[in-house]
Protein backbone atom coordinates (compact mmCIF):
# COMPACT_ATOMS: atom_id res chain seq x y z
CA MET A 1 -24.03 -85.41 33.08
CA ALA A 2 -20.94 -85.94 31.13
CA GLU A 3 -18.58 -88.59 32.38
CA ALA A 4 -15.14 -87.35 33.72
CA MET A 5 -12.25 -87.86 31.22
CA SER A 6 -10.46 -91.28 31.79
CA PRO A 7 -6.96 -90.98 33.34
CA SER A 8 -5.35 -92.44 30.26
CA LEU A 9 -6.81 -89.66 28.09
CA ASP A 10 -6.03 -87.10 30.64
CA GLU A 11 -2.55 -88.24 30.79
CA LEU A 12 -2.15 -88.09 26.98
CA SER A 13 -3.62 -84.72 26.82
CA THR A 14 -1.29 -83.29 29.52
CA ALA A 15 1.65 -85.04 27.76
CA MET A 16 0.89 -83.48 24.40
CA ALA A 17 0.37 -80.01 25.96
CA ASP A 18 3.68 -80.54 27.84
CA ALA A 19 5.40 -81.40 24.55
CA VAL A 20 4.16 -78.20 22.80
CA ALA A 21 5.19 -76.06 25.95
CA ALA A 22 8.61 -77.67 25.67
CA VAL A 23 9.46 -76.14 22.45
CA ALA A 24 6.94 -73.11 22.18
CA GLY A 25 9.46 -70.77 23.84
CA SER A 26 11.81 -71.24 20.76
CA VAL A 27 9.11 -70.71 18.13
CA VAL A 28 8.46 -67.25 16.61
CA ALA A 29 6.05 -65.56 14.28
CA VAL A 30 7.67 -64.46 10.97
CA GLN A 31 5.79 -61.54 9.22
CA THR A 32 6.24 -59.53 6.04
CA ARG A 33 3.80 -57.09 4.39
CA ARG A 34 2.48 -60.09 2.20
CA SER A 35 2.87 -63.16 4.48
CA ARG A 36 2.54 -64.80 7.80
CA SER A 37 4.47 -67.83 8.77
CA SER A 38 6.55 -69.32 11.62
CA GLY A 39 10.13 -70.10 12.45
CA PHE A 40 12.25 -71.17 15.26
CA ALA A 41 15.59 -70.16 16.87
CA TRP A 42 18.48 -72.25 15.54
CA ARG A 43 21.53 -70.46 16.98
CA ASP A 44 21.91 -67.39 19.08
CA GLY A 45 20.25 -64.56 16.96
CA LEU A 46 19.63 -66.72 14.08
CA ILE A 47 16.08 -67.97 13.02
CA VAL A 48 15.28 -70.69 10.58
CA THR A 49 12.01 -70.51 8.65
CA CYS A 50 10.39 -71.86 5.53
CA GLU A 51 11.85 -70.38 2.31
CA GLU A 52 8.77 -70.92 0.12
CA ALA A 53 6.65 -68.92 2.67
CA LEU A 54 9.03 -66.00 2.72
CA PRO A 55 8.48 -63.56 -0.15
CA ASP A 56 11.26 -61.27 -1.45
CA ASP A 57 10.03 -58.48 0.77
CA THR A 58 12.82 -56.19 2.19
CA ASP A 59 11.09 -55.94 5.63
CA VAL A 60 10.79 -59.09 7.74
CA THR A 61 9.61 -59.00 11.27
CA VAL A 62 10.09 -61.64 13.92
CA VAL A 63 7.73 -61.85 17.02
CA PRO A 64 9.05 -64.02 19.78
CA PRO A 65 6.84 -65.72 22.38
CA GLY A 66 5.05 -62.99 24.18
CA GLY A 67 7.48 -60.50 23.14
CA THR A 68 7.83 -57.49 20.96
CA ALA A 69 8.23 -57.54 17.12
CA THR A 70 11.81 -56.87 16.04
CA ARG A 71 13.37 -56.46 12.64
CA ALA A 72 15.14 -59.25 11.02
CA THR A 73 17.47 -59.56 8.07
CA VAL A 74 17.74 -62.38 5.56
CA VAL A 75 21.11 -64.06 6.01
CA GLY A 76 20.42 -66.60 3.08
CA ARG A 77 17.91 -68.88 1.51
CA ASP A 78 17.82 -72.27 -0.20
CA ALA A 79 14.96 -72.97 -2.40
CA GLY A 80 16.14 -76.66 -2.88
CA THR A 81 15.53 -77.64 0.71
CA ASP A 82 12.97 -74.96 1.57
CA ILE A 83 15.23 -73.40 4.25
CA ALA A 84 15.68 -69.63 4.99
CA LEU A 85 17.86 -68.10 7.66
CA LEU A 86 17.19 -64.85 9.42
CA ARG A 87 19.15 -62.73 11.84
CA ILE A 88 17.72 -60.68 14.66
CA ASP A 89 19.38 -58.24 16.93
CA GLY A 90 18.92 -58.14 20.61
CA ALA A 91 17.39 -60.66 22.85
CA ALA A 92 16.78 -64.11 21.10
CA PRO A 93 14.62 -67.14 21.99
CA PRO A 94 16.58 -70.18 23.27
CA PRO A 95 17.78 -72.30 20.40
CA VAL A 96 16.38 -75.53 19.49
CA GLY A 97 18.23 -78.82 19.59
CA PHE A 98 17.12 -81.66 17.26
CA ASP A 99 16.72 -85.19 18.11
CA SER A 100 18.54 -87.51 15.74
CA ALA A 101 16.52 -90.73 16.60
CA PRO A 102 14.42 -92.10 13.64
CA VAL A 103 10.77 -91.56 13.69
CA ARG A 104 8.25 -94.28 13.20
CA PRO A 105 5.12 -94.36 11.25
CA GLY A 106 2.13 -94.15 13.39
CA ALA A 107 3.82 -92.29 16.17
CA ILE A 108 2.07 -89.25 17.58
CA ALA A 109 3.48 -86.05 15.86
CA LEU A 110 2.86 -82.37 16.81
CA ALA A 111 3.37 -79.15 14.78
CA VAL A 112 4.13 -76.05 16.78
CA GLY A 113 3.90 -72.65 15.14
CA SER A 114 3.28 -69.03 16.16
CA SER A 115 0.68 -66.45 15.58
CA SER A 116 1.89 -62.98 16.69
CA GLY A 117 3.80 -64.65 19.44
CA ALA A 118 1.17 -66.86 20.67
CA PRO A 119 1.75 -70.71 20.11
CA LEU A 120 -0.22 -72.58 17.47
CA ALA A 121 -0.46 -76.35 17.75
CA ALA A 122 -1.71 -79.20 15.40
CA ALA A 123 -1.80 -83.04 16.38
CA GLY A 124 -1.59 -86.08 14.14
CA VAL A 125 0.74 -88.90 13.41
CA VAL A 126 3.79 -89.78 11.40
CA SER A 127 2.15 -90.95 8.09
CA MET A 128 5.54 -91.87 6.39
CA SER A 129 9.06 -92.27 7.45
CA GLY A 130 11.49 -93.22 4.88
CA PRO A 131 15.12 -92.89 3.63
CA ALA A 132 16.90 -90.03 2.24
CA TRP A 133 15.44 -88.29 -1.02
CA ARG A 134 16.00 -85.59 -3.40
CA SER A 135 13.65 -82.73 -3.72
CA LEU A 136 12.08 -81.67 -7.09
CA ARG A 137 14.60 -78.81 -7.12
CA GLY A 138 17.61 -81.21 -7.02
CA SER A 139 18.48 -80.96 -3.24
CA ASP A 140 19.27 -83.93 -0.92
CA ILE A 141 17.08 -84.17 2.14
CA GLU A 142 18.16 -86.67 4.95
CA ALA A 143 14.86 -88.33 5.51
CA ARG A 144 11.32 -88.56 3.93
CA ILE A 145 8.92 -87.64 6.71
CA GLU A 146 5.32 -86.82 6.17
CA LEU A 147 2.74 -85.96 8.70
CA GLY A 148 -0.82 -86.74 8.83
CA LEU A 149 -2.34 -83.51 10.24
CA THR A 150 -3.78 -80.13 9.18
CA LEU A 151 -1.52 -77.34 9.27
CA ARG A 152 -2.47 -73.68 9.21
CA ARG A 153 -0.63 -71.48 6.74
CA SER A 154 0.76 -69.34 9.37
CA ALA A 155 2.32 -72.24 11.18
CA GLU A 156 4.40 -73.29 8.25
CA GLY A 157 8.10 -72.94 9.11
CA GLY A 158 7.29 -73.97 12.63
CA LEU A 159 8.63 -77.14 14.41
CA ALA A 160 7.70 -80.83 14.12
CA VAL A 161 8.08 -82.67 17.50
CA ASP A 162 7.32 -86.07 18.95
CA ALA A 163 4.98 -86.92 21.90
CA ARG A 164 8.02 -86.13 24.34
CA GLY A 165 8.56 -82.67 22.97
CA ARG A 166 11.70 -83.54 21.08
CA ALA A 167 12.22 -81.50 17.93
CA ILE A 168 12.63 -83.61 14.69
CA GLY A 169 12.60 -80.87 11.99
CA MET A 170 10.57 -78.07 10.32
CA CYS A 171 7.06 -78.40 9.06
CA VAL A 172 6.52 -77.29 5.44
CA PHE A 173 3.89 -77.90 2.66
CA GLY A 174 4.58 -80.35 -0.02
CA PRO A 175 2.46 -81.29 -3.13
CA ARG A 176 -1.37 -81.09 -2.48
CA ARG A 177 -0.73 -79.52 0.94
CA ARG A 178 0.71 -82.51 2.39
CA VAL A 179 2.69 -81.74 5.50
CA LEU A 180 6.31 -82.63 5.14
CA VAL A 181 9.18 -82.42 7.58
CA ILE A 182 12.60 -80.96 6.70
CA PRO A 183 14.74 -83.09 9.22
CA GLY A 184 17.02 -81.60 11.76
CA ALA A 185 20.06 -83.05 10.01
CA THR A 186 19.13 -81.35 6.94
CA ILE A 187 18.51 -77.96 8.66
CA ASP A 188 21.77 -78.07 10.63
CA ARG A 189 23.77 -78.71 7.37
CA VAL A 190 22.08 -76.10 5.02
CA ALA A 191 21.64 -73.58 7.68
CA SER A 192 25.42 -73.78 8.46
CA GLN A 193 26.20 -73.13 4.75
CA LEU A 194 23.84 -70.23 4.90
CA ALA A 195 25.44 -68.69 7.98
CA ALA A 196 28.86 -68.98 6.56
CA HIS A 197 28.33 -68.12 2.85
CA GLY A 198 24.81 -66.79 2.51
CA ARG A 199 23.83 -69.45 0.02
CA VAL A 200 24.14 -73.05 -0.93
CA PRO A 201 26.27 -73.70 -4.04
CA ARG A 202 24.38 -75.23 -7.01
CA GLY A 203 25.81 -76.81 -10.23
CA TYR A 204 25.85 -74.65 -13.44
CA LEU A 205 26.25 -75.81 -17.06
CA GLY A 206 25.51 -72.32 -18.66
CA LEU A 207 22.84 -73.74 -20.90
CA GLY A 208 19.33 -73.02 -21.90
CA LEU A 209 17.69 -76.39 -22.73
CA GLN A 210 14.43 -77.47 -24.36
CA PRO A 211 13.30 -81.18 -24.51
CA VAL A 212 13.21 -82.75 -27.96
CA LYS A 213 12.23 -86.16 -29.31
CA ILE A 214 14.94 -88.20 -30.84
CA GLU A 215 14.60 -91.40 -32.74
CA PRO A 216 13.48 -94.00 -32.43
CA GLU A 217 11.58 -93.28 -29.03
CA GLY A 218 14.15 -91.24 -26.98
CA ILE A 219 14.07 -87.80 -25.34
CA GLY A 220 17.03 -85.32 -25.71
CA ALA A 221 17.92 -81.91 -24.31
CA MET A 222 18.42 -79.42 -27.15
CA VAL A 223 20.82 -76.49 -26.49
CA MET A 224 18.88 -73.37 -27.25
CA ALA A 225 21.28 -70.84 -25.61
CA VAL A 226 24.86 -70.93 -24.36
CA ASP A 227 26.37 -68.63 -21.79
CA ARG A 228 29.56 -67.25 -23.39
CA ASP A 229 31.29 -67.34 -20.06
CA GLY A 230 29.69 -70.61 -18.70
CA PRO A 231 31.23 -74.16 -18.44
CA ALA A 232 29.35 -75.31 -21.60
CA THR A 233 31.24 -72.84 -23.72
CA ALA A 234 34.59 -73.97 -22.20
CA ALA A 235 33.51 -77.63 -23.15
CA GLY A 236 32.73 -76.49 -26.80
CA LEU A 237 28.98 -76.90 -26.73
CA ARG A 238 27.07 -75.03 -29.38
CA GLN A 239 23.53 -74.00 -30.01
CA GLY A 240 21.55 -76.63 -31.60
CA ASP A 241 23.58 -79.47 -29.84
CA VAL A 242 21.21 -82.24 -28.58
CA ILE A 243 22.32 -83.85 -25.12
CA VAL A 244 21.21 -87.49 -25.40
CA ALA A 245 23.25 -89.12 -22.57
CA TRP A 246 24.98 -87.95 -19.24
CA ASN A 247 27.82 -90.02 -18.28
CA GLY A 248 26.55 -92.80 -20.46
CA ALA A 249 22.94 -92.69 -19.08
CA PRO A 250 20.32 -91.74 -21.37
CA VAL A 251 18.71 -88.15 -20.76
CA LYS A 252 15.18 -88.86 -19.71
CA SER A 253 14.06 -85.10 -19.47
CA VAL A 254 15.43 -81.68 -18.95
CA HIS A 255 14.29 -81.79 -15.45
CA ALA A 256 16.53 -84.80 -14.82
CA VAL A 257 19.43 -82.82 -16.15
CA LEU A 258 18.70 -79.88 -13.80
CA ARG A 259 18.25 -82.24 -10.80
CA ALA A 260 21.84 -83.58 -11.31
CA LEU A 261 23.18 -80.07 -10.61
CA GLY A 262 22.94 -80.37 -6.81
CA PRO A 263 25.59 -78.82 -4.37
CA GLY A 264 27.81 -81.95 -4.72
CA SER A 265 28.01 -81.61 -8.51
CA VAL A 266 30.21 -78.41 -8.47
CA GLY A 267 33.74 -79.13 -9.78
CA THR A 268 32.84 -82.61 -11.05
CA VAL A 269 33.48 -83.81 -14.70
CA VAL A 270 30.72 -85.24 -16.72
CA THR A 271 30.73 -86.64 -20.22
CA LEU A 272 27.91 -85.33 -22.19
CA SER A 273 27.07 -87.52 -25.46
CA LEU A 274 25.78 -85.18 -28.04
CA ARG A 275 24.07 -85.04 -31.51
CA ARG A 276 25.50 -82.32 -33.75
CA ALA A 277 24.02 -82.04 -36.97
CA GLY A 278 23.20 -85.78 -36.75
CA GLU A 279 26.65 -86.85 -35.89
CA PRO A 280 27.64 -88.18 -32.43
CA VAL A 281 30.04 -86.04 -30.26
CA GLU A 282 31.50 -86.66 -26.83
CA ALA A 283 32.05 -83.63 -24.63
CA PRO A 284 33.72 -83.75 -21.24
CA LEU A 285 32.45 -80.75 -19.08
CA THR A 286 33.41 -79.43 -15.69
CA ILE A 287 30.34 -78.35 -13.77
CA GLY A 288 30.67 -74.75 -12.49
CA GLU A 289 28.98 -72.97 -9.71
CA ARG A 290 25.62 -71.15 -10.34
CA PRO A 291 26.15 -67.39 -10.30
CA ALA A 292 24.60 -65.65 -7.27
CA ASP A 293 22.09 -63.86 -9.37
């Protein structure tokens, strides 16, 4: 005969189930013709979900807990932070409030998603909790949090919560399907911009760049194309120029140049060190805002 569960394990099991229940009422399923993911109520009538999991379908449906599917419209999306914002009409789930306390490695962590309105849960631990970082697409994220748990694809975009049921951010997939958390501070900042403007501004040079080797052992970014109406044209850059330094720092890759064009770069002036027909040229350039298209 199997032994009864010990009181401590029973208490832990109850606490984890209560933690899921504490936020499940705010978590929704997000469906399109080609995808299934999760999201959560951020403000009245506004749903946050994972941008990467949301294809460019015109029809998006949100299914609240135990409710009826309702149409949603895309307010805005930001690939750099993996955040998309949806708007639904009619009754909406209660909004989530994020806890700002730091999370500790080794702490119990729960992922809460939704499948057709029914809660999905996964349990694990915080495997990493570090300082602010910059995503591969050049966006600032307030904390580096990774979870050691297995997440269903349909739960991506759902909430990450601690053992007390306090929401800490949104669960997304990182490289090699590691589960990352977009923290609440990042979500509040980016979603506010999406709600107000429909997008997050990004820096723009108006250049098509290609990496090129330069002597003795350096890397440069060769200008392959120039937008005639862009900031680079105003700064006098030409096709064939090679950017070798950015504000005096050597260019290590084209990707490094693109990563420098985050939201905070718009309107700033940088000095580009160029090689033009073998001769050194300095070009001050005012970074513009990337066009909406």
